N, C-alpha and C. Protein backbone atom coordinates (compact mmCIF):
# COMPACT_ATOMS: atom_id res chain seq x y z
N MET A 1 0.83 -1.19 0.00
CA MET A 1 0.00 0.00 0.00
C MET A 1 0.87 1.26 0.00
N ALA A 2 1.89 1.29 0.86
CA ALA A 2 2.77 2.45 0.92
C ALA A 2 3.48 2.67 -0.40
N ASP A 3 3.89 1.58 -1.04
CA ASP A 3 4.56 1.70 -2.34
C ASP A 3 3.62 2.30 -3.38
N GLN A 4 2.34 1.92 -3.33
CA GLN A 4 1.36 2.49 -4.27
C GLN A 4 1.19 3.98 -4.02
N VAL A 5 1.12 4.37 -2.76
CA VAL A 5 0.97 5.79 -2.42
C VAL A 5 2.19 6.56 -2.89
N LEU A 6 3.38 6.03 -2.62
CA LEU A 6 4.61 6.72 -3.02
C LEU A 6 4.73 6.81 -4.54
N SER A 7 4.32 5.79 -5.27
CA SER A 7 4.40 5.86 -6.73
C SER A 7 3.40 6.88 -7.26
N ARG A 8 2.23 6.99 -6.63
CA ARG A 8 1.24 8.00 -7.05
C ARG A 8 1.77 9.40 -6.76
N VAL A 9 2.44 9.58 -5.64
CA VAL A 9 3.04 10.88 -5.31
C VAL A 9 4.11 11.22 -6.34
N ALA A 10 4.91 10.24 -6.74
CA ALA A 10 5.94 10.48 -7.75
C ALA A 10 5.30 10.92 -9.07
N GLU A 11 4.17 10.31 -9.44
CA GLU A 11 3.45 10.73 -10.64
C GLU A 11 2.99 12.18 -10.52
N LEU A 12 2.43 12.54 -9.37
CA LEU A 12 1.95 13.91 -9.17
C LEU A 12 3.09 14.91 -9.31
N VAL A 13 4.24 14.58 -8.73
CA VAL A 13 5.40 15.48 -8.83
C VAL A 13 5.84 15.58 -10.28
N TYR A 14 5.89 14.45 -10.97
CA TYR A 14 6.30 14.44 -12.38
C TYR A 14 5.39 15.30 -13.24
N PHE A 15 4.07 15.27 -12.94
CA PHE A 15 3.12 16.03 -13.75
C PHE A 15 2.86 17.43 -13.23
N GLY A 16 3.71 17.93 -12.31
CA GLY A 16 3.66 19.34 -11.97
C GLY A 16 3.13 19.73 -10.61
N THR A 17 2.75 18.79 -9.76
CA THR A 17 2.33 19.14 -8.41
C THR A 17 3.59 19.19 -7.54
N PRO A 18 4.06 20.40 -7.17
CA PRO A 18 5.35 20.49 -6.49
C PRO A 18 5.37 19.89 -5.08
N THR A 19 4.30 20.04 -4.32
CA THR A 19 4.27 19.51 -2.95
C THR A 19 2.96 18.78 -2.71
N PRO A 20 2.86 17.54 -3.18
CA PRO A 20 1.61 16.79 -2.96
C PRO A 20 1.44 16.44 -1.49
N THR A 21 0.19 16.30 -1.08
CA THR A 21 -0.10 15.87 0.28
C THR A 21 -0.87 14.56 0.24
N VAL A 22 -0.77 13.81 1.30
CA VAL A 22 -1.47 12.54 1.41
C VAL A 22 -2.37 12.61 2.64
N ASP A 23 -3.67 12.37 2.43
CA ASP A 23 -4.62 12.37 3.54
C ASP A 23 -4.99 10.93 3.87
N VAL A 24 -4.95 10.60 5.13
CA VAL A 24 -5.43 9.30 5.59
C VAL A 24 -6.53 9.60 6.60
N TYR A 25 -7.75 9.29 6.22
CA TYR A 25 -8.87 9.56 7.10
C TYR A 25 -8.99 8.48 8.16
N ARG A 26 -9.63 8.84 9.26
CA ARG A 26 -9.77 7.94 10.39
C ARG A 26 -10.52 6.68 9.98
N LEU A 27 -9.95 5.53 10.34
CA LEU A 27 -10.60 4.26 10.08
C LEU A 27 -11.17 3.72 11.38
N THR A 28 -12.37 3.19 11.33
CA THR A 28 -12.97 2.62 12.54
C THR A 28 -13.03 1.11 12.37
N MET A 29 -12.83 0.42 13.49
CA MET A 29 -12.88 -1.04 13.48
C MET A 29 -13.82 -1.49 14.59
N LYS A 30 -14.30 -2.69 14.46
CA LYS A 30 -15.16 -3.24 15.50
C LYS A 30 -14.35 -3.48 16.76
N THR A 31 -14.99 -3.30 17.90
CA THR A 31 -14.33 -3.56 19.17
C THR A 31 -13.90 -5.02 19.22
N GLY A 32 -12.66 -5.24 19.63
CA GLY A 32 -12.16 -6.60 19.78
C GLY A 32 -11.54 -7.17 18.51
N SER A 33 -11.57 -6.43 17.40
CA SER A 33 -10.97 -6.96 16.17
C SER A 33 -9.45 -6.84 16.27
N ASP A 34 -8.76 -7.52 15.36
CA ASP A 34 -7.30 -7.47 15.43
C ASP A 34 -6.81 -6.05 15.11
N ASN A 35 -5.58 -5.81 15.45
CA ASN A 35 -5.00 -4.47 15.32
C ASN A 35 -4.25 -4.32 13.99
N PHE A 36 -4.46 -5.24 13.05
CA PHE A 36 -3.70 -5.25 11.81
C PHE A 36 -3.92 -3.97 11.00
N HIS A 37 -5.18 -3.55 10.83
CA HIS A 37 -5.46 -2.37 10.00
C HIS A 37 -4.87 -1.11 10.61
N ALA A 38 -5.01 -0.95 11.91
CA ALA A 38 -4.49 0.25 12.57
C ALA A 38 -2.98 0.32 12.43
N SER A 39 -2.28 -0.80 12.63
CA SER A 39 -0.82 -0.77 12.52
C SER A 39 -0.40 -0.53 11.07
N SER A 40 -1.19 -0.99 10.11
CA SER A 40 -0.87 -0.75 8.70
C SER A 40 -0.95 0.73 8.38
N VAL A 41 -1.97 1.41 8.92
CA VAL A 41 -2.12 2.84 8.67
C VAL A 41 -0.96 3.60 9.30
N VAL A 42 -0.56 3.20 10.51
CA VAL A 42 0.57 3.85 11.16
C VAL A 42 1.84 3.64 10.35
N GLN A 43 2.05 2.41 9.86
CA GLN A 43 3.23 2.11 9.05
C GLN A 43 3.21 2.93 7.76
N LEU A 44 2.05 3.02 7.13
CA LEU A 44 1.91 3.82 5.91
C LEU A 44 2.27 5.28 6.20
N GLY A 45 1.76 5.80 7.29
CA GLY A 45 2.06 7.19 7.67
C GLY A 45 3.54 7.42 7.87
N ARG A 46 4.19 6.50 8.54
CA ARG A 46 5.64 6.64 8.77
C ARG A 46 6.42 6.59 7.47
N MET A 47 6.07 5.65 6.60
CA MET A 47 6.80 5.52 5.34
C MET A 47 6.63 6.76 4.47
N VAL A 48 5.43 7.31 4.44
CA VAL A 48 5.17 8.48 3.61
C VAL A 48 5.87 9.71 4.17
N THR A 49 5.79 9.91 5.49
CA THR A 49 6.45 11.09 6.07
C THR A 49 7.97 10.96 6.02
N ASP A 50 8.50 9.73 6.07
CA ASP A 50 9.95 9.54 5.93
C ASP A 50 10.43 10.00 4.55
N GLU A 51 9.55 9.96 3.57
CA GLU A 51 9.90 10.42 2.22
C GLU A 51 9.76 11.94 2.09
N GLY A 52 9.35 12.62 3.18
CA GLY A 52 9.23 14.07 3.16
C GLY A 52 7.90 14.57 2.62
N ILE A 53 6.91 13.71 2.55
CA ILE A 53 5.60 14.09 2.02
C ILE A 53 4.72 14.55 3.18
N THR A 54 4.02 15.65 2.97
CA THR A 54 3.16 16.20 4.01
C THR A 54 1.91 15.36 4.18
N MET A 55 1.59 15.05 5.42
CA MET A 55 0.34 14.35 5.74
C MET A 55 -0.44 15.21 6.72
N PRO A 56 -1.42 15.97 6.24
CA PRO A 56 -2.18 16.82 7.14
C PRO A 56 -3.04 15.99 8.09
N VAL A 57 -3.34 16.58 9.23
CA VAL A 57 -4.19 15.91 10.21
C VAL A 57 -5.64 16.17 9.82
N CYS A 58 -6.43 15.12 9.75
CA CYS A 58 -7.86 15.24 9.45
C CYS A 58 -8.64 14.85 10.69
N ALA A 59 -9.66 15.66 11.02
CA ALA A 59 -10.50 15.37 12.19
C ALA A 59 -11.95 15.56 11.79
N PRO A 60 -12.83 14.70 12.26
CA PRO A 60 -14.25 14.89 11.96
C PRO A 60 -14.78 16.13 12.68
N VAL A 61 -15.84 16.71 12.14
CA VAL A 61 -16.40 17.95 12.69
C VAL A 61 -16.85 17.75 14.15
N ARG A 62 -17.22 16.55 14.52
CA ARG A 62 -17.66 16.30 15.90
C ARG A 62 -16.53 16.53 16.91
N ASP A 63 -15.27 16.45 16.46
CA ASP A 63 -14.14 16.69 17.36
C ASP A 63 -14.03 18.15 17.78
N MET A 64 -14.76 19.03 17.10
CA MET A 64 -14.71 20.45 17.44
C MET A 64 -15.56 20.77 18.68
N LYS A 65 -16.36 19.80 19.15
CA LYS A 65 -17.19 20.04 20.34
C LYS A 65 -16.34 20.34 21.56
N SER A 66 -15.24 19.66 21.69
CA SER A 66 -14.31 19.93 22.79
C SER A 66 -13.32 20.99 22.29
N THR A 67 -13.69 22.25 22.46
CA THR A 67 -12.91 23.34 21.85
C THR A 67 -11.48 23.40 22.35
N SER A 68 -11.26 23.20 23.63
CA SER A 68 -9.89 23.32 24.14
C SER A 68 -9.01 22.22 23.55
N THR A 69 -9.53 21.02 23.44
CA THR A 69 -8.77 19.92 22.85
C THR A 69 -8.50 20.19 21.38
N PHE A 70 -9.52 20.71 20.68
CA PHE A 70 -9.36 21.00 19.26
C PHE A 70 -8.34 22.10 19.03
N VAL A 71 -8.38 23.15 19.85
CA VAL A 71 -7.40 24.24 19.73
C VAL A 71 -5.99 23.71 19.98
N ASP A 72 -5.84 22.85 20.97
CA ASP A 72 -4.53 22.25 21.24
C ASP A 72 -4.04 21.44 20.03
N LEU A 73 -4.96 20.71 19.38
CA LEU A 73 -4.61 19.93 18.20
C LEU A 73 -4.13 20.85 17.08
N VAL A 74 -4.86 21.93 16.83
CA VAL A 74 -4.47 22.86 15.76
C VAL A 74 -3.14 23.52 16.07
N GLU A 75 -2.93 23.91 17.32
CA GLU A 75 -1.67 24.56 17.68
C GLU A 75 -0.48 23.60 17.57
N SER A 76 -0.71 22.34 17.92
CA SER A 76 0.40 21.38 17.87
C SER A 76 0.69 20.91 16.45
N GLU A 77 -0.33 20.82 15.60
CA GLU A 77 -0.14 20.30 14.24
C GLU A 77 0.03 21.38 13.19
N SER A 78 -0.23 22.63 13.52
CA SER A 78 -0.11 23.76 12.60
C SER A 78 -1.27 23.83 11.61
N GLU A 79 -1.68 22.72 11.02
CA GLU A 79 -2.81 22.71 10.09
C GLU A 79 -3.66 21.47 10.35
N VAL A 80 -4.99 21.66 10.36
CA VAL A 80 -5.91 20.55 10.56
C VAL A 80 -7.05 20.70 9.55
N THR A 81 -7.39 19.62 8.87
CA THR A 81 -8.53 19.61 7.97
C THR A 81 -9.70 18.98 8.70
N VAL A 82 -10.79 19.74 8.83
CA VAL A 82 -11.99 19.23 9.48
C VAL A 82 -12.89 18.65 8.40
N THR A 83 -13.36 17.43 8.63
CA THR A 83 -14.19 16.77 7.64
C THR A 83 -15.62 16.62 8.14
N LYS A 84 -16.54 16.65 7.19
CA LYS A 84 -17.95 16.42 7.48
C LYS A 84 -18.45 15.42 6.45
N ASN A 85 -18.98 14.31 6.91
CA ASN A 85 -19.44 13.23 6.03
C ASN A 85 -18.33 12.75 5.09
N GLY A 86 -17.10 12.72 5.61
CA GLY A 86 -15.98 12.20 4.84
C GLY A 86 -15.40 13.18 3.83
N ARG A 87 -15.89 14.42 3.80
CA ARG A 87 -15.40 15.42 2.85
C ARG A 87 -14.81 16.61 3.60
N GLU A 88 -13.85 17.27 2.98
CA GLU A 88 -13.24 18.44 3.60
C GLU A 88 -14.30 19.51 3.79
N ALA A 89 -14.37 20.06 5.01
CA ALA A 89 -15.35 21.11 5.29
C ALA A 89 -14.65 22.41 5.67
N ILE A 90 -13.65 22.33 6.53
CA ILE A 90 -12.96 23.51 7.05
C ILE A 90 -11.47 23.20 7.14
N HIS A 91 -10.66 24.20 6.85
CA HIS A 91 -9.21 24.07 7.04
C HIS A 91 -8.83 25.04 8.15
N CYS A 92 -8.25 24.52 9.22
CA CYS A 92 -7.85 25.33 10.37
C CYS A 92 -6.33 25.37 10.44
N MET A 93 -5.81 26.50 10.91
CA MET A 93 -4.36 26.62 11.05
C MET A 93 -4.03 27.40 12.30
N SER A 94 -2.84 27.21 12.80
CA SER A 94 -2.38 27.92 13.99
C SER A 94 -2.16 29.39 13.64
N ASN A 95 -2.11 30.23 14.66
CA ASN A 95 -1.90 31.65 14.45
C ASN A 95 -0.55 31.91 13.79
N GLU A 96 0.48 31.16 14.19
CA GLU A 96 1.79 31.34 13.58
C GLU A 96 1.75 31.06 12.08
N ARG A 97 1.06 29.98 11.70
CA ARG A 97 0.93 29.61 10.28
C ARG A 97 0.15 30.69 9.53
N TYR A 98 -0.93 31.18 10.14
CA TYR A 98 -1.75 32.23 9.51
C TYR A 98 -0.92 33.50 9.30
N GLN A 99 -0.16 33.90 10.33
CA GLN A 99 0.67 35.11 10.21
C GLN A 99 1.72 34.93 9.12
N ALA A 100 2.30 33.74 9.03
CA ALA A 100 3.30 33.47 7.99
C ALA A 100 2.67 33.57 6.60
N LEU A 101 1.45 33.04 6.44
CA LEU A 101 0.77 33.14 5.15
C LEU A 101 0.45 34.59 4.81
N CYS A 102 0.03 35.38 5.81
CA CYS A 102 -0.25 36.80 5.58
C CYS A 102 1.02 37.54 5.14
N GLN A 103 2.14 37.23 5.77
CA GLN A 103 3.41 37.86 5.38
C GLN A 103 3.81 37.47 3.97
N GLU A 104 3.63 36.20 3.63
CA GLU A 104 3.95 35.75 2.27
C GLU A 104 3.08 36.47 1.24
N ALA A 105 1.78 36.63 1.56
CA ALA A 105 0.88 37.32 0.64
C ALA A 105 1.30 38.78 0.48
N ALA A 106 1.68 39.43 1.58
CA ALA A 106 2.11 40.83 1.52
C ALA A 106 3.39 40.96 0.69
N LYS A 107 4.34 40.04 0.90
CA LYS A 107 5.58 40.07 0.12
C LYS A 107 5.30 39.86 -1.37
N SER A 108 4.39 38.96 -1.65
CA SER A 108 4.01 38.67 -3.03
C SER A 108 3.40 39.89 -3.71
N LYS A 109 2.51 40.56 -2.99
CA LYS A 109 1.86 41.75 -3.53
C LYS A 109 2.88 42.87 -3.76
N LEU A 110 3.79 43.04 -2.81
CA LEU A 110 4.83 44.07 -2.96
C LEU A 110 5.73 43.76 -4.14
N LEU A 111 6.13 42.50 -4.29
CA LEU A 111 6.98 42.11 -5.41
C LEU A 111 6.27 42.36 -6.74
N ALA A 112 4.98 42.04 -6.81
CA ALA A 112 4.21 42.28 -8.04
C ALA A 112 4.18 43.77 -8.37
N ARG A 113 3.98 44.60 -7.37
CA ARG A 113 3.95 46.05 -7.60
C ARG A 113 5.33 46.56 -8.04
N MET A 114 6.38 46.01 -7.45
CA MET A 114 7.73 46.41 -7.84
C MET A 114 8.01 46.03 -9.30
N LEU A 115 7.54 44.85 -9.72
CA LEU A 115 7.73 44.42 -11.11
C LEU A 115 6.99 45.34 -12.08
N VAL A 116 5.76 45.73 -11.71
CA VAL A 116 5.00 46.65 -12.55
C VAL A 116 5.73 47.98 -12.65
N ALA A 117 6.24 48.49 -11.53
CA ALA A 117 6.98 49.76 -11.53
C ALA A 117 8.22 49.67 -12.40
N ARG A 118 8.92 48.55 -12.33
CA ARG A 118 10.13 48.37 -13.14
C ARG A 118 9.78 48.38 -14.63
N ARG A 119 8.69 47.68 -14.99
CA ARG A 119 8.28 47.67 -16.40
C ARG A 119 7.88 49.06 -16.88
N GLU A 120 7.16 49.80 -16.04
CA GLU A 120 6.77 51.17 -16.40
C GLU A 120 8.00 52.05 -16.59
N GLU A 121 8.96 51.89 -15.70
CA GLU A 121 10.19 52.68 -15.80
C GLU A 121 10.95 52.34 -17.08
N GLU A 122 11.05 51.05 -17.39
CA GLU A 122 11.75 50.62 -18.60
C GLU A 122 11.06 51.12 -19.86
N ALA A 123 9.73 51.21 -19.81
CA ALA A 123 8.95 51.67 -20.96
C ALA A 123 8.89 53.20 -21.04
N GLY A 124 9.41 53.86 -20.01
CA GLY A 124 9.35 55.33 -19.98
C GLY A 124 7.98 55.85 -19.63
N ASP A 125 7.15 55.01 -19.07
CA ASP A 125 5.77 55.37 -18.74
C ASP A 125 5.67 55.77 -17.27
N TYR A 126 6.33 56.86 -16.91
CA TYR A 126 6.30 57.34 -15.54
C TYR A 126 6.56 58.83 -15.53
N VAL A 127 6.29 59.44 -14.39
CA VAL A 127 6.50 60.88 -14.20
C VAL A 127 7.48 61.03 -13.04
N SER A 128 8.40 61.97 -13.15
CA SER A 128 9.36 62.17 -12.06
C SER A 128 8.63 62.68 -10.82
N TYR A 129 9.26 62.51 -9.68
CA TYR A 129 8.66 62.94 -8.42
C TYR A 129 8.39 64.44 -8.42
N ASP A 130 9.33 65.22 -8.89
CA ASP A 130 9.17 66.67 -8.90
C ASP A 130 7.99 67.10 -9.77
N ALA A 131 7.87 66.49 -10.94
CA ALA A 131 6.75 66.82 -11.83
C ALA A 131 5.42 66.39 -11.20
N PHE A 132 5.40 65.23 -10.56
CA PHE A 132 4.18 64.74 -9.92
C PHE A 132 3.74 65.67 -8.79
N THR A 133 4.68 66.04 -7.91
CA THR A 133 4.31 66.92 -6.79
C THR A 133 3.86 68.29 -7.28
N LYS A 134 4.48 68.79 -8.33
CA LYS A 134 4.09 70.09 -8.90
C LYS A 134 2.65 70.02 -9.43
N THR A 135 2.33 68.94 -10.12
CA THR A 135 0.97 68.74 -10.66
C THR A 135 -0.06 68.62 -9.53
N MET A 136 0.26 67.86 -8.49
CA MET A 136 -0.68 67.66 -7.38
C MET A 136 -0.90 68.95 -6.59
N LYS A 137 0.17 69.71 -6.38
CA LYS A 137 0.04 70.98 -5.67
C LYS A 137 -0.85 71.94 -6.45
N ALA A 138 -0.65 71.99 -7.75
CA ALA A 138 -1.47 72.86 -8.59
C ALA A 138 -2.93 72.39 -8.61
N LYS A 139 -3.14 71.09 -8.70
CA LYS A 139 -4.50 70.53 -8.75
C LYS A 139 -5.29 70.81 -7.47
N TYR A 140 -4.64 70.71 -6.31
CA TYR A 140 -5.34 70.86 -5.03
C TYR A 140 -5.08 72.21 -4.37
N GLY A 141 -4.43 73.13 -5.06
CA GLY A 141 -4.22 74.47 -4.55
C GLY A 141 -3.30 74.53 -3.36
N LEU A 142 -2.30 73.69 -3.33
CA LEU A 142 -1.33 73.67 -2.25
C LEU A 142 -0.11 74.51 -2.65
N SER A 143 0.55 75.07 -1.64
CA SER A 143 1.70 75.94 -1.97
C SER A 143 2.98 75.19 -2.15
């Protein structure tokens, strides 16, 4: 099973997915059954994470009832996918992860603006600071 997962991840990387993730949803077994399936899932998780592949934590929506436990889970795991009826419903992340994403978005936006400014400058499509301030002062009646 782990070999199948790893070969599928290799295909995803080959076809352009730079950082694929593998989700393993909670499996339930009858009380008193052998522990074979549970140990297989743990082994699969270890083999996949040893290869450097991200495995996000998935929790059913009912786990959110105990808010303190759920908050502890999100803080310890950084990212948690909450599922409802076996489908992704909510993606939760720690404050540190959220702040890092906000900083990345701000850096990205600034870089995009800098690239636009560079292209305008190269094309000669800009006004000098002195000319701009002179125009604005005249427009708004400033001295």
